[in-house]
Protein backbone atom coordinates (compact mmCIF):
# COMPACT_ATOMS: atom_id res chain seq x y z
CA MET A 1 0.00 0.30 0.10
CA PHE A 2 2.33 2.61 1.14
CA SER A 3 6.08 1.75 0.01
CA PHE A 4 7.82 3.56 2.53
CA LEU A 5 5.92 2.05 5.54
CA LYS A 6 7.00 -1.31 7.24
CA LYS A 7 3.39 -3.19 6.26
CA LYS A 8 3.02 -4.87 9.87
CA SER A 9 -0.40 -4.54 11.55
CA PRO A 10 -0.78 -1.77 14.07
CA GLU A 11 -1.18 -4.36 17.22
CA THR A 12 2.38 -6.34 16.19
CA SER A 13 4.46 -3.85 14.70
CA ALA A 14 3.75 -1.11 17.87
CA SER A 15 4.07 -1.95 21.57
CA ILE A 16 0.32 -1.09 22.89
CA GLU A 17 1.18 0.41 26.41
CA GLN A 18 -1.55 -1.16 29.47
CA PRO A 19 -1.87 0.85 32.71
CA ASP A 20 0.55 0.15 35.17
CA SER A 21 -0.21 0.36 38.92
CA THR A 22 3.04 1.34 39.99
CA ILE A 23 2.81 4.58 38.08
CA PRO A 24 2.24 7.80 41.03
CA ALA A 25 -0.81 9.02 40.19
CA ALA A 26 -0.71 12.52 38.35
CA PRO A 27 -1.36 15.00 40.84
CA ALA A 28 -4.85 16.79 41.67
CA GLU A 29 -6.19 20.22 40.92
CA ASP A 30 -6.46 22.43 43.96
CA THR A 31 -9.77 23.37 43.74
CA THR A 32 -9.71 25.86 46.61
CA LEU A 33 -9.13 28.31 43.99
CA GLY A 34 -11.74 28.27 41.25
CA LEU A 35 -11.03 28.29 37.82
CA PHE A 36 -11.02 31.85 37.87
CA GLY A 37 -8.43 32.09 40.37
CA ARG A 38 -5.93 29.28 39.30
CA LEU A 39 -5.74 31.31 35.67
CA ARG A 40 -5.33 34.52 37.78
CA GLN A 41 -3.19 33.40 40.21
CA SER A 42 -0.90 31.74 37.31
CA LEU A 43 -0.82 35.17 35.29
CA SER A 44 0.69 36.64 38.65
CA LYS A 45 4.29 37.41 36.90
CA THR A 46 2.73 38.83 33.63
CA ARG A 47 0.34 40.77 35.85
CA SER A 48 2.96 42.83 37.45
CA ALA A 49 4.79 43.21 34.13
CA LEU A 50 2.42 44.75 32.17
CA SER A 51 -1.28 45.26 34.19
CA ASP A 52 0.18 46.72 37.18
CA SER A 53 2.53 48.73 35.91
CA LEU A 54 -0.21 50.11 33.31
CA SER A 55 -3.01 50.84 36.10
CA SER A 56 -0.17 52.85 38.48
CA LEU A 57 1.21 54.67 35.34
CA ILE A 58 -2.44 55.55 33.94
CA LEU A 59 -4.52 56.30 37.46
CA GLY A 60 -1.44 58.17 38.89
CA ARG A 61 -1.88 61.10 36.06
CA LYS A 62 -4.71 63.85 36.71
CA THR A 63 -4.39 64.42 32.57
CA ILE A 64 -3.99 62.23 29.45
CA ASP A 65 -1.61 63.39 27.34
CA GLN A 66 0.91 62.34 24.14
CA SER A 67 2.87 61.75 26.81
CA LEU A 68 1.01 59.78 28.59
CA LEU A 69 0.21 57.13 25.93
CA ASP A 70 4.07 57.16 24.91
CA ASP A 71 4.74 55.72 28.38
CA ILE A 72 1.81 53.13 27.56
CA GLU A 73 3.23 52.21 24.54
CA THR A 74 6.93 52.09 25.95
CA GLN A 75 4.96 49.46 28.62
CA LEU A 76 3.11 47.41 26.07
CA LEU A 77 6.09 46.78 24.22
CA SER A 78 8.66 45.90 27.31
CA ALA A 79 5.54 43.44 28.50
CA ASP A 80 6.54 41.39 25.14
CA MET A 81 2.94 42.24 22.83
CA GLY A 82 5.42 43.20 20.00
CA LEU A 83 5.46 46.09 17.24
CA GLU A 84 1.91 45.11 15.97
CA ALA A 85 -0.08 44.39 18.66
CA THR A 86 1.11 47.55 20.57
CA ASP A 87 0.40 50.05 17.61
CA HIS A 88 -2.71 48.85 17.17
CA ILE A 89 -4.00 49.73 21.02
CA VAL A 90 -1.97 52.86 21.01
CA LYS A 91 -3.82 54.37 17.51
CA ALA A 92 -7.22 52.97 19.36
CA LEU A 93 -6.54 54.72 22.38
CA THR A 94 -5.12 57.87 20.58
CA GLN A 95 -8.42 58.05 18.25
CA LYS A 96 -10.88 57.88 21.59
CA LEU A 97 -8.28 60.57 22.74
CA ASP A 98 -8.61 62.88 19.94
CA ARG A 99 -12.71 62.15 20.17
CA LYS A 100 -12.76 63.55 23.87
CA GLN A 101 -13.92 59.72 24.41
CA LEU A 102 -11.25 59.26 27.53
CA ALA A 103 -12.80 62.09 30.06
CA ASN A 104 -10.47 60.76 32.97
CA PRO A 105 -7.68 58.32 33.53
CA GLN A 106 -9.74 55.76 34.48
CA ALA A 107 -11.85 55.36 30.98
CA LEU A 108 -8.65 55.17 29.46
CA LEU A 109 -7.70 52.41 31.81
CA ASP A 110 -10.75 50.58 30.92
CA SER A 111 -11.14 51.42 27.63
CA LEU A 112 -7.50 49.74 27.19
CA LYS A 113 -8.92 46.60 29.03
CA VAL A 114 -11.82 47.01 25.98
CA GLU A 115 -9.32 47.04 23.13
CA LEU A 116 -7.00 43.97 24.56
CA ALA A 117 -9.95 41.81 24.91
CA ALA A 118 -11.24 42.70 21.15
CA MET A 119 -7.75 41.55 19.91
CA LEU A 120 -7.63 38.46 21.67
CA ARG A 121 -11.83 37.55 21.01
CA PRO A 122 -11.14 36.47 17.48
CA CYS A 123 -8.78 33.62 18.88
CA GLU A 124 -11.45 32.42 20.88
CA VAL A 125 -12.13 29.44 18.99
CA PRO A 126 -12.94 25.69 21.54
CA LEU A 127 -11.27 22.99 19.90
CA VAL A 128 -14.24 21.18 18.41
CA ILE A 129 -14.46 17.22 17.73
CA ARG A 130 -16.32 16.47 15.36
CA LYS A 131 -18.21 12.82 15.65
CA SER A 132 -18.12 12.42 11.34
CA ASP A 133 -14.10 12.77 11.26
CA LYS A 134 -13.38 9.28 14.09
CA PRO A 135 -10.86 9.25 14.47
CA TYR A 136 -10.70 12.68 15.29
CA VAL A 137 -6.39 13.36 14.28
CA ILE A 138 -5.02 16.09 16.53
CA LEU A 139 -1.16 16.50 14.97
CA VAL A 140 0.78 18.20 17.91
CA VAL A 141 3.94 19.75 16.80
CA GLY A 142 5.97 22.53 18.52
CA VAL A 143 9.76 22.88 19.07
CA ASN A 144 12.19 21.30 21.91
CA GLY A 145 11.06 21.79 25.63
CA ALA A 146 7.75 23.75 24.62
CA GLY A 147 5.97 21.12 26.25
CA LYS A 148 4.29 19.14 23.89
CA THR A 149 4.01 15.30 25.89
CA THR A 150 2.68 17.75 28.94
CA THR A 151 -0.04 19.21 26.97
CA ILE A 152 -0.93 15.78 25.14
CA GLY A 153 -1.13 14.28 28.86
CA LYS A 154 -3.81 16.83 30.03
CA LEU A 155 -5.16 17.48 26.83
CA ALA A 156 -6.10 13.42 26.68
CA LYS A 157 -7.08 13.79 30.53
CA ARG A 158 -9.55 16.63 28.92
CA LEU A 159 -11.15 14.79 26.39
CA GLN A 160 -11.89 11.73 28.55
CA GLY A 161 -13.58 13.35 30.42
CA GLU A 162 -15.72 15.26 27.39
CA GLY A 163 -16.79 11.24 27.29
CA HIS A 164 -14.10 10.68 24.03
CA LYS A 165 -11.99 7.26 23.74
CA LEU A 166 -8.53 8.17 22.97
CA VAL A 167 -5.34 6.53 21.49
CA LEU A 168 -1.80 7.96 21.44
CA ALA A 169 0.74 8.06 19.16
CA ALA A 170 4.23 8.01 20.74
CA GLY A 171 5.75 9.80 16.97
CA ASP A 172 8.51 11.52 19.06
CA THR A 173 10.96 8.75 17.99
CA PHE A 174 14.43 10.26 18.57
CA ARG A 175 13.82 10.99 22.41
CA ALA A 176 13.29 7.64 24.27
CA ALA A 177 12.66 10.16 27.36
CA ALA A 178 9.49 11.77 25.23
CA VAL A 179 8.12 7.98 24.31
CA GLU A 180 8.37 6.98 28.40
CA GLN A 181 6.82 10.01 29.09
CA LEU A 182 3.96 9.78 26.92
CA LYS A 183 3.69 5.95 28.21
CA VAL A 184 3.22 7.21 31.76
CA TRP A 185 0.45 9.94 30.88
CA GLY A 186 -0.86 6.88 29.05
CA GLU A 187 -1.03 4.50 31.69
CA ARG A 188 -2.45 7.22 34.03
CA ASN A 189 -5.40 8.10 31.99
CA HIS A 190 -5.64 4.20 31.16
CA VAL A 191 -5.18 5.27 27.50
CA PRO A 192 -3.44 2.89 24.65
CA VAL A 193 -0.37 4.48 23.51
CA ILE A 194 1.29 3.01 20.04
CA ALA A 195 5.13 3.21 20.46
CA GLN A 196 8.36 1.66 18.27
CA PRO A 197 11.90 1.81 19.10
CA THR A 198 13.85 4.84 19.51
CA GLY A 199 15.32 5.91 15.90
CA SER A 200 11.97 4.43 14.40
CA ASP A 201 10.57 6.43 11.19
CA SER A 202 8.14 9.19 13.05
CA ALA A 203 5.67 8.89 9.58
CA SER A 204 5.12 4.85 10.58
CA VAL A 205 4.56 4.90 13.90
CA ILE A 206 1.64 7.56 13.47
CA PHE A 207 0.21 5.30 10.12
CA ASP A 208 0.01 2.26 12.79
CA ALA A 209 -1.49 4.38 15.21
CA TYR A 210 -4.01 5.71 12.86
CA GLN A 211 -4.74 2.09 11.44
CA SER A 212 -5.05 1.19 15.83
CA ALA A 213 -7.64 3.69 16.74
CA CYS A 214 -9.74 3.01 13.59
CA ALA A 215 -9.30 -0.87 14.34
CA ARG A 216 -10.53 -0.11 18.53
CA GLY A 217 -13.31 2.11 17.29
CA ALA A 218 -11.34 5.24 19.08
CA ASP A 219 -12.70 8.46 18.56
CA VAL A 220 -9.70 10.81 19.00
CA LEU A 221 -5.96 9.63 18.02
CA ILE A 222 -3.40 12.45 19.71
CA ALA A 223 -0.33 12.05 17.67
CA ASP A 224 3.13 13.33 19.30
CA THR A 225 6.04 14.57 17.14
CA ALA A 226 9.87 15.17 17.77
CA GLY A 227 10.66 18.86 19.25
CA ARG A 228 12.37 20.67 15.89
CA LEU A 229 13.94 23.95 15.72
CA HIS A 230 12.03 25.78 13.59
CA THR A 231 14.87 27.22 12.19
CA LYS A 232 16.19 23.65 10.91
CA GLU A 233 14.66 23.48 7.37
CA ASN A 234 15.22 19.65 7.21
CA LEU A 235 13.73 18.94 10.39
CA MET A 236 10.80 20.95 9.44
CA GLN A 237 10.34 18.60 6.10
CA GLU A 238 10.47 15.97 8.43
CA LEU A 239 7.21 17.30 10.03
CA GLU A 240 5.62 17.67 6.65
CA LYS A 241 6.35 14.42 5.44
CA ILE A 242 3.88 13.06 8.26
CA VAL A 243 1.65 15.08 7.30
CA ARG A 244 1.81 14.08 3.59
CA VAL A 245 1.89 9.80 4.58
CA LEU A 246 -1.81 10.81 6.87
CA ARG A 247 -3.26 12.28 3.88
CA LYS A 248 -2.76 9.66 2.06
CA LEU A 249 -4.98 7.87 4.96
CA ASP A 250 -7.27 10.53 4.60
CA PRO A 251 -6.95 13.77 2.55
CA ASP A 252 -8.76 15.68 5.95
CA LEU A 253 -5.94 14.82 7.86
CA PRO A 254 -5.01 15.44 10.54
CA HIS A 255 -7.95 17.28 11.78
CA GLU A 256 -6.20 19.50 13.96
CA THR A 257 -2.85 20.36 13.87
CA LEU A 258 -1.91 21.87 17.41
CA LEU A 259 1.61 23.87 17.27
CA VAL A 260 2.61 24.05 21.10
CA LEU A 261 4.27 27.34 22.30
CA ASP A 262 6.30 27.85 25.07
CA SER A 263 5.08 31.44 26.96
CA THR A 264 8.10 31.99 28.35
CA THR A 265 10.36 32.72 25.05
CA GLY A 266 8.43 35.48 24.46
CA GLN A 267 8.44 37.31 21.18
CA ASN A 268 10.42 34.05 20.02
CA SER A 269 7.58 32.46 20.39
CA LEU A 270 6.14 34.69 16.76
CA ASN A 271 8.71 33.90 15.44
CA GLN A 272 8.20 29.88 15.69
CA ALA A 273 4.50 30.49 14.99
CA ARG A 274 4.83 31.84 11.78
CA THR A 275 7.93 29.24 10.33
CA PHE A 276 5.51 26.04 11.35
CA HIS A 277 2.30 27.75 10.21
CA LYS A 278 4.20 28.12 6.99
CA SER A 279 5.06 24.40 6.67
CA VAL A 280 1.98 22.57 8.04
CA LYS A 281 -0.71 25.03 8.63
CA VAL A 282 -0.79 25.46 12.21
CA THR A 283 -4.71 25.51 13.21
CA GLY A 284 -4.73 25.69 17.20
CA ILE A 285 -2.58 27.10 19.36
CA ALA A 286 -1.46 25.94 22.93
CA LEU A 287 0.41 28.17 25.25
CA THR A 288 2.25 27.12 28.17
CA LYS A 289 3.97 27.98 31.16
CA LEU A 290 2.12 30.83 31.13
CA ASP A 291 2.63 30.47 35.48
CA GLY A 292 6.36 30.53 34.78
CA THR A 293 6.59 33.91 33.10
CA ALA A 294 6.13 37.63 33.03
CA LYS A 295 5.90 37.25 29.10
CA GLY A 296 2.45 36.71 28.77
CA GLY A 297 1.93 39.66 26.37
CA MET A 298 2.96 37.62 23.28
CA VAL A 299 -0.46 36.02 23.80
CA PHE A 300 -1.12 39.69 22.23
CA ALA A 301 1.40 39.43 19.50
CA ILE A 302 0.47 36.24 18.45
CA ALA A 303 -3.49 36.90 18.44
CA LYS A 304 -2.72 40.30 16.56
CA GLU A 305 -0.47 38.82 13.43
CA LEU A 306 -1.80 35.47 12.85
CA LYS A 307 -5.09 35.69 14.22
CA LEU A 308 -4.74 31.97 14.24
CA PRO A 309 -7.41 29.68 17.37
CA ILE A 310 -5.90 29.98 20.55
CA ARG A 311 -7.03 26.78 22.10
CA TYR A 312 -5.99 26.11 25.73
CA LEU A 313 -3.77 27.92 27.98
CA GLY A 314 -1.19 26.00 30.20
CA VAL A 315 -1.57 27.31 33.60
CA GLY A 316 0.57 25.09 35.76
CA GLU A 317 1.54 21.04 36.35
CA LYS A 318 -1.20 20.13 37.53
CA VAL A 319 -3.10 17.31 35.70
CA ASP A 320 -6.19 19.73 34.90
CA ASP A 321 -3.97 23.03 34.13
CA LEU A 322 -4.57 23.16 30.87
CA ARG A 323 -7.71 25.51 30.36
CA PRO A 324 -9.65 26.29 27.14
CA PHE A 325 -8.90 29.63 25.97
CA GLU A 326 -11.39 32.98 26.80
CA ALA A 327 -10.46 36.55 26.16
CA GLU A 328 -12.33 38.42 28.72
CA GLN A 329 -11.82 36.15 31.37
CA PHE A 330 -8.05 36.02 30.48
CA VAL A 331 -7.76 40.38 30.47
CA GLN A 332 -10.00 40.12 33.44
CA ALA A 333 -7.55 37.69 35.67
CA LEU A 334 -4.28 39.90 33.94
CA PHE A 335 -6.44 43.22 35.83
CA SER A 336 -7.90 41.91 38.66
CA ASP A 337 -6.81 42.62 41.85
CA ASN A 338 -8.61 39.83 44.35
């Protein structure tokens, strides 16, 4: 059928990991804070760098003038919002000031929040698992260390909770630790993991996993891939090969290409997103490690330039710390005092 792939049954050519009671349970969610409280807590560093500074800057002035707008521009840039997003915000505020729509500093701050939410709102597009696409294939891509495998585990848990039957594909065959990590997540969530020996062809692993998912009647197949620097053309070509293999099985595959971006990289994540989108047509983004960075302003840079759906935010290490993105809630958490 495909000359470049080994013609083996997915039940024999790949190892199918079964649950192991010796694997420690994943940390449970701290429910005392609630969903909004957890998001607010995770954004504490970005809030300190962005919203707290902006609030002090704006509310500390008695009048609104061009000097204040210049200071706002500087603050937005220093918070990794990027040139395009910052320019858009400052122009919108300037126009309102010229039209006498900003009577006082509080009105300016409120208007800033409105503009920030409006910039993010087009990216608030939840991931929808279509029943007509079975198995629904999610290809997870990103650079080394972005948190792809951990995101897969958390996503698997979330989709399980929604009633979906899953299969995972250990497509990162270059790093043995990635395969083992995915197996641990599979065991925790009682999800079969299709894997092959280190160094195997990633496209072959995902091909086998797709066949297995079909045979098992799975609703969703989530496929991990090796982390690759977006600047390495040969590695990006390998990723393109995976997509070509999937499309020989079904021209609509993958149904979702989820790019995992490490928020701590700031503006560099925007460069990564550009390159991955050019190579494999990214359909959604998951932003990880928001709890460990002051560079959360990069969310606005990505939203303004790429306008790609932001599916999830990674707000911590707990199993339930992968949350659907909501624009209003994100801005509210950034500027909330309690």
